[in-house]
Amino acid sequence: MMGTRSGDIDPSILPWLVEKEGKSAQQLSQLLNNESGLLGVSGVSSDYRDVEQAADAGNERAALALSLFAERIRATIGSYIMQMGGLDALIFTGGIGENSARARATICRNLHFLGLALDDEKNQRSATFIQADNALVKVAVINTNEELMIARDVMRLALPQARVLAVSA
């Protein structure tokens, strides 16, 4: 689930929408790419912050969107853990991961069986490491610098022989 995109769906929904709702391929593309995700479920916005505010104001669809969002992330985490054979650290980054203590707490809920536990106070203040002192799994909040990463990738791909001095911003 993303801001406006559906994420994983049952493929049988597409022919059903064509048959029962008379949707065209263009309409399906619009629906799945621009009218789904947080926006489609909440009916409020594709911006997580707006959906959080609506949920806090009692909007049940917004609360459902937040719950589904966290559930999809937990399912993905579980899938990755199976592929990796375990988990040493969980890293939150990007707009939502860096800025929403609520999202981090909701995503980590019910993951105690992995040895993962948050310290609520550290999570609220977005400390770098937010796991409880007795947790087996480290949980970190890492700020991103997307422009720097893009610049490094361009330099690496466009000028593979060049020596690049990395300067943190």
Protein backbone atom coordinates (compact mmCIF):
# COMPACT_ATOMS: atom_id res chain seq x y z
CA MET A 1 0.00 0.00 0.00
CA MET A 2 1.30 3.41 -0.96
CA GLY A 3 -0.10 6.92 -1.02
CA THR A 4 -2.23 6.44 -4.14
CA ARG A 5 -1.25 3.00 -5.44
CA SER A 6 -2.96 -0.22 -4.46
CA GLY A 7 0.02 -2.45 -3.84
CA ASP A 8 -0.64 -6.19 -4.06
CA ILE A 9 -4.16 -7.15 -5.09
CA ASP A 10 -5.94 -10.32 -6.13
CA PRO A 11 -5.63 -10.36 -9.94
CA SER A 12 -9.20 -11.64 -10.28
CA ILE A 13 -10.45 -8.20 -9.20
CA LEU A 14 -9.45 -6.72 -12.58
CA PRO A 15 -11.77 -8.78 -14.80
CA TRP A 16 -14.51 -8.38 -12.18
CA LEU A 17 -14.19 -4.58 -12.37
CA VAL A 18 -14.32 -4.75 -16.16
CA GLU A 19 -17.37 -7.03 -16.18
CA LYS A 20 -19.39 -5.70 -13.23
CA GLU A 21 -18.38 -2.05 -13.20
CA GLY A 22 -17.67 -1.54 -16.90
CA LYS A 23 -14.20 -0.17 -16.24
CA SER A 24 -11.80 0.32 -19.15
CA ALA A 25 -8.08 -0.45 -19.01
CA GLN A 26 -7.40 3.28 -18.67
CA GLN A 27 -9.90 3.57 -15.80
CA LEU A 28 -8.36 0.54 -14.06
CA SER A 29 -4.92 2.10 -14.39
CA GLN A 30 -6.22 5.38 -12.95
CA LEU A 31 -7.94 3.55 -10.08
CA LEU A 32 -4.98 1.34 -9.16
CA ASN A 33 -2.27 3.98 -9.57
CA ASN A 34 -3.94 7.24 -8.56
CA GLU A 35 -7.06 6.52 -6.49
CA SER A 36 -6.06 3.63 -4.23
CA GLY A 37 -3.67 3.21 -1.30
CA LEU A 38 -3.99 5.60 1.63
CA LEU A 39 -6.14 7.95 -0.46
CA GLY A 40 -8.54 5.28 -1.64
CA VAL A 41 -9.05 3.64 1.74
CA SER A 42 -9.15 6.81 3.83
CA GLY A 43 -11.05 8.97 1.38
CA VAL A 44 -8.98 11.83 2.81
CA SER A 45 -5.51 12.13 1.31
CA SER A 46 -2.47 10.28 0.06
CA ASP A 47 -0.39 12.12 2.68
CA TYR A 48 0.13 10.00 5.79
CA ARG A 49 0.10 13.10 8.03
CA ASP A 50 -3.36 14.10 6.81
CA VAL A 51 -4.65 10.56 7.29
CA GLU A 52 -3.25 10.53 10.85
CA GLN A 53 -5.03 13.80 11.62
CA ALA A 54 -8.30 12.47 10.21
CA ALA A 55 -7.96 9.27 12.25
CA ASP A 56 -7.30 11.35 15.38
CA ALA A 57 -10.50 13.28 14.62
CA GLY A 58 -12.50 10.04 14.57
CA ASN A 59 -12.54 9.22 10.85
CA GLU A 60 -12.95 5.43 10.79
CA ARG A 61 -11.82 5.06 7.17
CA ALA A 62 -8.63 6.97 7.98
CA ALA A 63 -8.01 4.71 10.99
CA LEU A 64 -8.56 1.68 8.76
CA ALA A 65 -6.09 3.06 6.19
CA LEU A 66 -3.41 3.46 8.88
CA SER A 67 -4.06 -0.05 10.15
CA LEU A 68 -3.87 -1.57 6.66
CA PHE A 69 -0.74 0.42 5.87
CA ALA A 70 1.03 -0.97 8.95
CA GLU A 71 -0.26 -4.48 8.27
CA ARG A 72 1.17 -4.47 4.73
CA ILE A 73 4.54 -3.32 6.05
CA ARG A 74 4.52 -6.00 8.77
CA ALA A 75 3.72 -8.63 6.12
CA THR A 76 6.63 -7.42 4.01
CA ILE A 77 8.95 -7.44 7.02
CA GLY A 78 7.88 -11.02 7.75
CA SER A 79 8.55 -12.04 4.16
CA TYR A 80 12.02 -10.48 4.23
CA ILE A 81 12.84 -12.10 7.57
CA MET A 82 12.00 -15.50 6.09
CA GLN A 83 14.30 -14.84 3.13
CA MET A 84 17.13 -13.58 5.35
CA GLY A 85 16.74 -16.22 8.04
CA GLY A 86 16.40 -13.71 10.86
CA LEU A 87 16.49 -10.06 11.82
CA ASP A 88 19.29 -8.09 13.46
CA ALA A 89 17.95 -4.58 12.89
CA LEU A 90 14.89 -2.80 11.55
CA ILE A 91 15.54 0.61 10.00
CA PHE A 92 12.90 3.31 9.54
CA THR A 93 13.70 5.98 6.97
CA GLY A 94 11.95 8.22 4.47
CA GLY A 95 9.17 10.68 5.21
CA ILE A 96 6.88 8.41 7.19
CA GLY A 97 9.59 6.30 8.81
CA GLU A 98 11.54 9.34 9.95
CA ASN A 99 8.63 11.50 11.05
CA SER A 100 5.80 9.34 12.39
CA ALA A 101 6.28 7.81 15.82
CA ARG A 102 2.76 6.46 15.48
CA ALA A 103 3.62 4.61 12.26
CA ARG A 104 6.76 3.12 13.80
CA ALA A 105 4.86 1.99 16.91
CA THR A 106 2.00 0.51 14.89
CA ILE A 107 4.35 -1.32 12.54
CA CYS A 108 6.35 -2.77 15.45
CA ARG A 109 3.26 -3.81 17.41
CA ASN A 110 3.01 -7.59 17.87
CA LEU A 111 6.60 -8.18 16.76
CA HIS A 112 7.83 -8.98 20.28
CA PHE A 113 8.21 -12.64 19.32
CA LEU A 114 11.12 -11.53 17.11
CA GLY A 115 12.88 -9.90 20.06
CA LEU A 116 11.76 -6.49 18.81
CA ALA A 117 10.44 -3.97 21.32
CA LEU A 118 10.27 -0.18 21.16
CA ASP A 119 11.06 2.29 23.90
CA ASP A 120 8.05 4.63 23.66
CA GLU A 121 9.94 7.69 24.93
CA LYS A 122 12.82 7.20 22.46
CA ASN A 123 10.32 6.60 19.66
CA GLN A 124 8.38 9.79 20.46
CA ARG A 125 11.52 11.91 20.27
CA SER A 126 12.81 10.09 17.15
CA ALA A 127 16.10 9.08 18.75
CA THR A 128 18.47 7.28 16.40
CA PHE A 129 17.99 3.97 18.21
CA ILE A 130 14.46 3.48 19.53
CA GLN A 131 14.46 -0.13 20.72
CA ALA A 132 13.88 -0.99 24.37
CA ASP A 133 17.03 -1.66 26.38
CA ASN A 134 16.28 -5.39 26.61
CA ALA A 135 15.33 -5.84 22.93
CA LEU A 136 17.27 -8.35 20.86
CA VAL A 137 16.63 -6.49 17.60
CA LYS A 138 17.97 -2.97 17.06
CA VAL A 139 15.43 -0.46 15.72
CA ALA A 140 16.78 2.73 14.18
CA VAL A 141 15.44 5.94 12.67
CA ILE A 142 17.82 7.08 9.94
CA ASN A 143 17.45 10.38 8.09
CA THR A 144 17.65 10.18 4.31
CA ASN A 145 19.38 12.47 1.90
CA GLU A 146 17.83 11.39 -1.39
CA GLU A 147 19.52 14.11 -3.44
CA LEU A 148 22.97 13.00 -2.25
CA MET A 149 22.19 9.35 -3.00
CA ILE A 150 20.99 10.23 -6.51
CA ALA A 151 24.11 12.32 -7.12
CA ARG A 152 26.34 9.46 -5.95
CA ASP A 153 24.53 6.99 -8.21
CA VAL A 154 24.84 9.33 -11.20
CA MET A 155 28.55 9.75 -10.56
CA ARG A 156 29.03 6.01 -10.12
CA LEU A 157 27.15 5.17 -13.33
CA ALA A 158 28.19 8.10 -15.52
CA LEU A 159 31.79 8.31 -14.41
CA PRO A 160 32.77 4.84 -13.21
CA GLN A 161 36.50 5.63 -13.38
CA ALA A 162 36.27 8.95 -11.56
CA ARG A 163 37.29 9.26 -7.97
CA VAL A 164 34.53 10.96 -6.05
CA LEU A 165 34.97 12.66 -2.72
CA ALA A 166 31.88 11.99 -0.63
CA VAL A 167 30.90 14.94 1.50
CA SER A 168 27.99 14.56 3.86
CA ALA A 169 25.47 17.36 3.69
